[in-house]
Amino acid sequence: MNNIFTICYSEEEANEIGHFILSRGYEGVQNDSYRYCREAIWWAFKEAKRHHLNCIYIGVAGCQMTVSKSKRGFRRNGCKYIEKRRMFYKLLSIDK
């Protein structure tokens, strides 16, 4: 299983990555529905703006998509930060 995450600067960008993650066979935030993923992305951006940040982090932990407003939550779970989007997509494509 992959434990990787990347950065997103807009909701559209995060939704694009989220749809890619689900298309690779990973589960959504709570289940297979993307509605909860969209809500988690929206909430993470709201929290990030409250703390004067302009980005969120989205990734895969085990077999499930995760969203966070900071790197700290991902790093505590042993996830690796992938800066380049192309490499993130490539790593997700190889595993499944």
Foldseek 3Di string as FASTA:
>chain_A
DALEKEKDQDLVRQVVVQVLLLVLPAAEPVGNDCVVVSVQSVVLCVVLVVVVHRMWMWDDDDRYIDIHNDCVVSVVSVGYYDYDPVVRSVVSNVPD
